[in-house]
């Protein structure tokens, strides 16, 4: 459930993906999960962002999808993503913010408690759609 707080089914409407200022390429996304105040081992995901790619799909959906959670209230600027999340009886919010075109940090809170911290770093160009 805690990892699921970070993701859910995306709504049908999105802003222009080209407006987001993250560099295209291969991103290493490190997920630091907290359960009852204790840290689980970090999880790492690798995702490619292509020119014009949807940052919600690349960055937010990479945060351990769980079918029990629903993301809503999406808000995006050129350097940040923010959303509300509902997982059963638990509610909260998430955000990520770029501090450069090749690095971001963020977190997800449920019921006022941090449940996930995230860091993303761009490492290289993607070489094919199967990356």
N, C-alpha and C. Protein backbone atom coordinates (compact mmCIF):
# COMPACT_ATOMS: atom_id res chain seq x y z
N UNK A 1 0.81 -1.18 0.00
CA UNK A 1 0.00 0.00 0.00
C UNK A 1 0.87 1.25 0.00
N UNK A 2 1.96 1.26 0.76
CA UNK A 2 2.75 2.47 0.86
C UNK A 2 3.38 2.84 -0.46
N UNK A 3 3.93 1.88 -1.17
CA UNK A 3 4.48 2.19 -2.48
C UNK A 3 3.38 2.58 -3.44
N UNK A 4 2.23 1.99 -3.29
CA UNK A 4 1.12 2.29 -4.16
C UNK A 4 0.65 3.72 -4.03
N UNK A 5 0.96 4.37 -2.93
CA UNK A 5 0.54 5.76 -2.73
C UNK A 5 1.13 6.67 -3.79
N UNK A 6 2.18 6.24 -4.40
CA UNK A 6 2.87 7.10 -5.35
C UNK A 6 2.32 7.03 -6.75
N UNK A 7 1.42 6.09 -7.00
CA UNK A 7 0.99 5.96 -8.38
C UNK A 7 -0.45 5.51 -8.46
N UNK A 8 -0.99 5.61 -9.66
CA UNK A 8 -2.34 5.15 -9.90
C UNK A 8 -2.69 5.35 -11.36
N UNK A 9 -3.91 5.10 -11.67
CA UNK A 9 -4.38 5.30 -13.04
C UNK A 9 -4.38 6.78 -13.35
N UNK A 10 -3.82 7.13 -14.47
CA UNK A 10 -3.72 8.53 -14.85
C UNK A 10 -5.01 9.02 -15.48
N UNK A 11 -5.40 10.25 -15.20
CA UNK A 11 -6.55 10.80 -15.89
C UNK A 11 -6.26 11.00 -17.37
N UNK A 12 -7.30 11.21 -18.14
CA UNK A 12 -7.14 11.30 -19.59
C UNK A 12 -6.52 12.60 -20.06
N UNK A 13 -6.58 13.66 -19.27
CA UNK A 13 -6.07 14.95 -19.72
C UNK A 13 -4.70 15.25 -19.12
N UNK A 14 -3.82 15.75 -19.94
CA UNK A 14 -2.46 16.11 -19.52
C UNK A 14 -2.05 17.39 -20.23
N UNK A 15 -1.16 18.13 -19.60
CA UNK A 15 -0.57 19.29 -20.27
C UNK A 15 0.40 18.81 -21.34
N UNK A 16 0.86 19.70 -22.17
CA UNK A 16 1.81 19.36 -23.22
C UNK A 16 3.08 18.80 -22.59
N UNK A 17 3.46 17.54 -22.88
CA UNK A 17 4.66 16.97 -22.30
C UNK A 17 5.93 17.76 -22.62
N UNK A 18 5.94 18.45 -23.75
CA UNK A 18 7.11 19.21 -24.13
C UNK A 18 7.39 20.39 -23.22
N UNK A 19 6.43 20.78 -22.39
CA UNK A 19 6.63 21.90 -21.47
C UNK A 19 7.51 21.53 -20.28
N UNK A 20 7.63 20.25 -19.96
CA UNK A 20 8.39 19.83 -18.78
C UNK A 20 9.88 19.91 -19.09
N UNK A 21 10.66 20.48 -18.19
CA UNK A 21 12.05 20.81 -18.45
C UNK A 21 13.07 19.73 -18.11
N UNK A 22 12.63 18.48 -17.89
CA UNK A 22 13.57 17.38 -17.66
C UNK A 22 14.25 17.01 -18.97
N UNK A 23 15.54 16.70 -18.91
CA UNK A 23 16.27 16.29 -20.11
C UNK A 23 15.83 14.90 -20.55
N UNK A 24 15.62 14.70 -21.83
CA UNK A 24 15.35 13.35 -22.32
C UNK A 24 16.55 12.46 -22.02
N UNK A 25 16.29 11.17 -21.87
CA UNK A 25 17.37 10.22 -21.65
C UNK A 25 17.00 9.17 -20.62
N UNK A 26 18.01 8.41 -20.22
CA UNK A 26 17.86 7.33 -19.26
C UNK A 26 18.00 7.88 -17.85
N UNK A 27 16.96 7.66 -17.06
CA UNK A 27 16.91 8.16 -15.69
C UNK A 27 16.96 7.01 -14.70
N UNK A 28 17.77 7.17 -13.67
CA UNK A 28 17.80 6.24 -12.53
C UNK A 28 16.90 6.85 -11.46
N UNK A 29 15.87 6.11 -11.08
CA UNK A 29 14.90 6.57 -10.09
C UNK A 29 15.04 5.71 -8.84
N UNK A 30 15.45 6.33 -7.73
CA UNK A 30 15.66 5.62 -6.47
C UNK A 30 14.49 5.92 -5.55
N UNK A 31 13.82 4.85 -5.10
CA UNK A 31 12.66 4.95 -4.22
C UNK A 31 13.06 4.52 -2.81
N UNK A 32 12.86 5.40 -1.86
CA UNK A 32 13.18 5.15 -0.45
C UNK A 32 11.85 5.08 0.30
N UNK A 33 11.43 3.86 0.67
CA UNK A 33 10.13 3.64 1.29
C UNK A 33 10.24 3.64 2.81
N UNK A 34 9.27 4.27 3.45
CA UNK A 34 9.20 4.31 4.91
C UNK A 34 7.92 3.62 5.36
N UNK A 35 8.04 2.66 6.29
CA UNK A 35 6.89 1.97 6.86
C UNK A 35 6.99 2.08 8.37
N UNK A 36 5.99 2.69 8.97
CA UNK A 36 5.96 2.85 10.42
C UNK A 36 7.23 3.50 10.94
N UNK A 37 7.75 4.50 10.20
CA UNK A 37 8.93 5.23 10.62
C UNK A 37 10.25 4.53 10.33
N UNK A 38 10.19 3.36 9.72
CA UNK A 38 11.42 2.61 9.40
C UNK A 38 11.60 2.56 7.89
N UNK A 39 12.85 2.58 7.49
CA UNK A 39 13.16 2.56 6.05
C UNK A 39 13.30 1.13 5.55
N UNK A 40 12.66 0.85 4.42
CA UNK A 40 12.86 -0.40 3.70
C UNK A 40 14.09 -0.23 2.82
N UNK A 41 14.66 -1.34 2.31
CA UNK A 41 15.77 -1.19 1.35
C UNK A 41 15.30 -0.37 0.14
N UNK A 42 16.19 0.45 -0.38
CA UNK A 42 15.87 1.27 -1.54
C UNK A 42 15.58 0.39 -2.75
N UNK A 43 14.66 0.86 -3.58
CA UNK A 43 14.36 0.22 -4.86
C UNK A 43 14.84 1.15 -5.95
N UNK A 44 15.36 0.59 -7.02
CA UNK A 44 15.85 1.39 -8.15
C UNK A 44 15.11 0.97 -9.41
N UNK A 45 14.65 1.97 -10.15
CA UNK A 45 14.02 1.74 -11.45
C UNK A 45 14.75 2.59 -12.48
N UNK A 46 14.85 2.09 -13.68
CA UNK A 46 15.45 2.82 -14.80
C UNK A 46 14.34 3.10 -15.80
N UNK A 47 14.20 4.36 -16.20
CA UNK A 47 13.16 4.75 -17.14
C UNK A 47 13.74 5.71 -18.17
N UNK A 48 13.24 5.61 -19.40
CA UNK A 48 13.64 6.54 -20.46
C UNK A 48 12.58 7.61 -20.63
N UNK A 49 13.03 8.84 -20.76
CA UNK A 49 12.16 9.95 -21.12
C UNK A 49 12.60 10.40 -22.51
N UNK A 50 11.66 10.39 -23.44
CA UNK A 50 11.95 10.80 -24.80
C UNK A 50 11.46 12.22 -25.02
N UNK A 51 12.01 12.92 -26.01
CA UNK A 51 11.52 14.25 -26.37
C UNK A 51 10.01 14.19 -26.54
N UNK A 52 9.31 15.05 -25.84
CA UNK A 52 7.87 15.07 -25.93
C UNK A 52 7.18 13.99 -25.12
N UNK A 53 7.94 13.17 -24.39
CA UNK A 53 7.36 12.11 -23.57
C UNK A 53 6.58 12.67 -22.39
N UNK A 54 5.66 11.89 -21.89
CA UNK A 54 4.82 12.31 -20.77
C UNK A 54 5.55 12.12 -19.45
N UNK A 55 5.86 13.21 -18.73
CA UNK A 55 6.59 13.07 -17.47
C UNK A 55 5.79 12.33 -16.40
N UNK A 56 4.47 12.35 -16.46
CA UNK A 56 3.67 11.60 -15.48
C UNK A 56 3.96 10.11 -15.66
N UNK A 57 4.02 9.65 -16.89
CA UNK A 57 4.28 8.24 -17.15
C UNK A 57 5.71 7.86 -16.75
N UNK A 58 6.67 8.69 -17.09
CA UNK A 58 8.06 8.37 -16.82
C UNK A 58 8.40 8.48 -15.34
N UNK A 59 8.03 9.56 -14.70
CA UNK A 59 8.49 9.82 -13.33
C UNK A 59 7.51 9.39 -12.25
N UNK A 60 6.26 9.68 -12.39
CA UNK A 60 5.30 9.39 -11.32
C UNK A 60 4.86 7.94 -11.36
N UNK A 61 4.51 7.42 -12.53
CA UNK A 61 4.08 6.03 -12.62
C UNK A 61 5.20 5.06 -12.29
N UNK A 62 6.45 5.51 -12.34
CA UNK A 62 7.58 4.65 -11.96
C UNK A 62 7.63 4.42 -10.46
N UNK A 63 6.84 5.15 -9.72
CA UNK A 63 6.85 5.05 -8.27
C UNK A 63 5.95 3.90 -7.82
N UNK A 64 6.32 2.68 -8.19
CA UNK A 64 5.68 1.43 -7.80
C UNK A 64 4.17 1.40 -7.97
N UNK A 65 3.68 1.19 -9.17
CA UNK A 65 2.24 1.15 -9.40
C UNK A 65 1.51 0.16 -8.49
N UNK A 66 0.35 0.55 -8.02
CA UNK A 66 -0.52 -0.29 -7.20
C UNK A 66 -1.95 0.02 -7.60
N UNK A 67 -2.67 -0.98 -8.01
CA UNK A 67 -4.02 -0.78 -8.54
C UNK A 67 -4.99 -0.24 -7.49
N UNK A 68 -4.66 -0.32 -6.20
CA UNK A 68 -5.59 0.16 -5.18
C UNK A 68 -5.55 1.67 -4.99
N UNK A 69 -4.60 2.34 -5.58
CA UNK A 69 -4.46 3.78 -5.39
C UNK A 69 -4.93 4.54 -6.63
N UNK A 70 -5.47 5.73 -6.39
CA UNK A 70 -5.92 6.59 -7.47
C UNK A 70 -5.23 7.94 -7.34
N UNK A 71 -4.66 8.41 -8.43
CA UNK A 71 -4.03 9.74 -8.46
C UNK A 71 -5.04 10.73 -9.02
N UNK A 72 -5.12 11.92 -8.44
CA UNK A 72 -6.03 12.95 -8.93
C UNK A 72 -5.42 14.31 -8.67
N UNK A 73 -6.11 15.34 -9.10
CA UNK A 73 -5.67 16.70 -8.83
C UNK A 73 -4.28 17.01 -9.33
N UNK A 74 -3.93 16.47 -10.49
CA UNK A 74 -2.59 16.68 -11.04
C UNK A 74 -2.34 18.15 -11.34
N UNK A 75 -1.16 18.61 -10.99
CA UNK A 75 -0.74 19.97 -11.30
C UNK A 75 0.70 19.92 -11.76
N UNK A 76 1.00 20.64 -12.84
CA UNK A 76 2.35 20.60 -13.39
C UNK A 76 2.80 22.00 -13.77
N UNK A 77 4.06 22.27 -13.45
CA UNK A 77 4.74 23.45 -13.96
C UNK A 77 5.88 22.94 -14.83
N UNK A 78 6.73 23.82 -15.31
CA UNK A 78 7.85 23.37 -16.15
C UNK A 78 8.90 22.61 -15.34
N UNK A 79 8.87 22.72 -14.01
CA UNK A 79 9.89 22.05 -13.19
C UNK A 79 9.32 21.25 -12.02
N UNK A 80 8.01 21.03 -11.97
CA UNK A 80 7.44 20.30 -10.83
C UNK A 80 6.16 19.57 -11.23
N UNK A 81 5.91 18.47 -10.53
CA UNK A 81 4.67 17.71 -10.65
C UNK A 81 4.11 17.54 -9.25
N UNK A 82 2.81 17.73 -9.08
CA UNK A 82 2.17 17.53 -7.78
C UNK A 82 0.82 16.86 -8.01
N UNK A 83 0.38 16.05 -7.05
CA UNK A 83 -0.87 15.32 -7.19
C UNK A 83 -1.41 14.93 -5.82
N UNK A 84 -2.68 14.57 -5.80
CA UNK A 84 -3.32 13.98 -4.63
C UNK A 84 -3.39 12.48 -4.88
N UNK A 85 -3.41 11.71 -3.80
CA UNK A 85 -3.49 10.27 -3.95
C UNK A 85 -4.43 9.71 -2.88
N UNK A 86 -5.21 8.70 -3.29
CA UNK A 86 -6.15 8.02 -2.39
C UNK A 86 -5.91 6.53 -2.54
N UNK A 87 -5.61 5.87 -1.42
CA UNK A 87 -5.38 4.43 -1.40
C UNK A 87 -6.33 3.83 -0.36
N UNK A 88 -7.45 3.34 -0.79
CA UNK A 88 -8.45 2.83 0.16
C UNK A 88 -8.92 3.95 1.07
N UNK A 89 -8.70 3.78 2.37
CA UNK A 89 -9.11 4.79 3.34
C UNK A 89 -8.02 5.81 3.62
N UNK A 90 -6.88 5.68 2.97
CA UNK A 90 -5.75 6.59 3.19
C UNK A 90 -5.70 7.63 2.08
N UNK A 91 -5.39 8.87 2.45
CA UNK A 91 -5.29 9.96 1.47
C UNK A 91 -4.03 10.76 1.74
N UNK A 92 -3.53 11.38 0.69
CA UNK A 92 -2.33 12.20 0.84
C UNK A 92 -2.00 12.92 -0.44
N UNK A 93 -0.71 13.23 -0.58
CA UNK A 93 -0.26 13.95 -1.77
C UNK A 93 1.17 13.57 -2.09
N UNK A 94 1.54 13.88 -3.32
CA UNK A 94 2.90 13.63 -3.76
C UNK A 94 3.40 14.79 -4.59
N UNK A 95 4.71 14.88 -4.70
CA UNK A 95 5.30 15.92 -5.55
C UNK A 95 6.71 15.50 -5.94
N UNK A 96 7.14 15.99 -7.08
CA UNK A 96 8.55 15.94 -7.45
C UNK A 96 8.90 17.32 -7.98
N UNK A 97 10.16 17.71 -7.80
CA UNK A 97 10.62 19.01 -8.28
C UNK A 97 12.01 18.87 -8.87
N UNK A 98 12.17 19.37 -10.08
CA UNK A 98 13.49 19.39 -10.72
C UNK A 98 14.32 20.50 -10.09
N UNK A 99 15.55 20.17 -9.68
CA UNK A 99 16.47 21.22 -9.25
C UNK A 99 17.47 21.52 -10.36
N UNK A 100 17.46 20.70 -11.40
CA UNK A 100 18.19 20.93 -12.64
C UNK A 100 17.49 20.07 -13.70
N UNK A 101 17.80 20.25 -14.97
CA UNK A 101 17.16 19.42 -15.99
C UNK A 101 17.55 17.94 -15.89
N UNK A 102 18.55 17.59 -15.06
CA UNK A 102 19.02 16.22 -14.96
C UNK A 102 18.90 15.64 -13.55
N UNK A 103 18.14 16.29 -12.65
CA UNK A 103 18.01 15.79 -11.28
C UNK A 103 16.72 16.29 -10.64
N UNK A 104 16.05 15.40 -9.89
CA UNK A 104 14.88 15.82 -9.13
C UNK A 104 14.79 15.04 -7.83
N UNK A 105 14.02 15.58 -6.90
CA UNK A 105 13.68 14.90 -5.66
C UNK A 105 12.18 15.07 -5.43
N UNK A 106 11.64 14.25 -4.55
CA UNK A 106 10.23 14.35 -4.24
C UNK A 106 9.85 13.42 -3.12
N UNK A 107 8.55 13.41 -2.82
CA UNK A 107 8.05 12.55 -1.75
C UNK A 107 6.56 12.33 -1.92
N UNK A 108 6.08 11.32 -1.18
CA UNK A 108 4.66 11.04 -1.09
C UNK A 108 4.32 10.93 0.39
N UNK A 109 3.21 11.56 0.78
CA UNK A 109 2.71 11.48 2.15
C UNK A 109 1.31 10.88 2.12
N UNK A 110 1.05 10.00 3.08
CA UNK A 110 -0.29 9.47 3.28
C UNK A 110 -0.68 9.76 4.72
N UNK A 111 -1.85 10.26 4.92
CA UNK A 111 -2.33 10.59 6.26
C UNK A 111 -1.32 11.44 7.03
N UNK A 112 -0.64 12.36 6.31
CA UNK A 112 0.30 13.28 6.93
C UNK A 112 1.67 12.72 7.23
N UNK A 113 1.92 11.47 6.89
CA UNK A 113 3.21 10.82 7.17
C UNK A 113 3.96 10.54 5.87
N UNK A 114 5.26 10.81 5.86
CA UNK A 114 6.08 10.44 4.71
C UNK A 114 6.07 8.93 4.55
N UNK A 115 5.75 8.45 3.34
CA UNK A 115 5.80 7.03 3.06
C UNK A 115 6.78 6.69 1.94
N UNK A 116 7.19 7.72 1.18
CA UNK A 116 8.10 7.49 0.07
C UNK A 116 8.90 8.76 -0.20
N UNK A 117 10.20 8.58 -0.35
CA UNK A 117 11.06 9.66 -0.82
C UNK A 117 11.69 9.17 -2.11
N UNK A 118 11.88 10.08 -3.05
CA UNK A 118 12.35 9.68 -4.37
C UNK A 118 13.43 10.63 -4.85
N UNK A 119 14.37 10.08 -5.61
CA UNK A 119 15.39 10.89 -6.27
C UNK A 119 15.57 10.35 -7.67
N UNK A 120 15.67 11.23 -8.63
CA UNK A 120 15.90 10.84 -10.01
C UNK A 120 17.11 11.56 -10.57
N UNK A 121 17.96 10.81 -11.28
CA UNK A 121 19.13 11.38 -11.94
C UNK A 121 19.19 10.86 -13.37
N UNK A 122 19.46 11.78 -14.29
CA UNK A 122 19.65 11.40 -15.69
C UNK A 122 21.07 10.90 -15.87
N UNK A 123 21.23 9.76 -16.54
CA UNK A 123 22.55 9.17 -16.70
C UNK A 123 23.08 9.17 -18.12
N UNK A 124 22.22 8.97 -19.10
CA UNK A 124 22.71 8.82 -20.48
C UNK A 124 21.54 8.98 -21.45
N UNK A 125 21.88 8.96 -22.71
CA UNK A 125 20.85 8.95 -23.75
C UNK A 125 20.23 7.56 -23.83
N UNK A 126 18.99 7.49 -24.24
CA UNK A 126 18.35 6.19 -24.50
C UNK A 126 18.66 5.82 -25.94
N UNK A 127 18.94 4.57 -26.17
CA UNK A 127 19.38 4.16 -27.50
C UNK A 127 18.27 3.58 -28.36
N UNK A 128 17.16 3.12 -27.72
CA UNK A 128 16.06 2.57 -28.51
C UNK A 128 14.79 2.59 -27.67
N UNK A 129 13.63 2.44 -28.32
CA UNK A 129 12.38 2.43 -27.58
C UNK A 129 12.27 1.30 -26.55
N UNK A 130 13.11 0.26 -26.68
CA UNK A 130 13.04 -0.84 -25.70
C UNK A 130 13.91 -0.56 -24.47
N UNK A 131 14.59 0.58 -24.40
CA UNK A 131 15.41 0.90 -23.22
C UNK A 131 14.55 1.01 -21.99
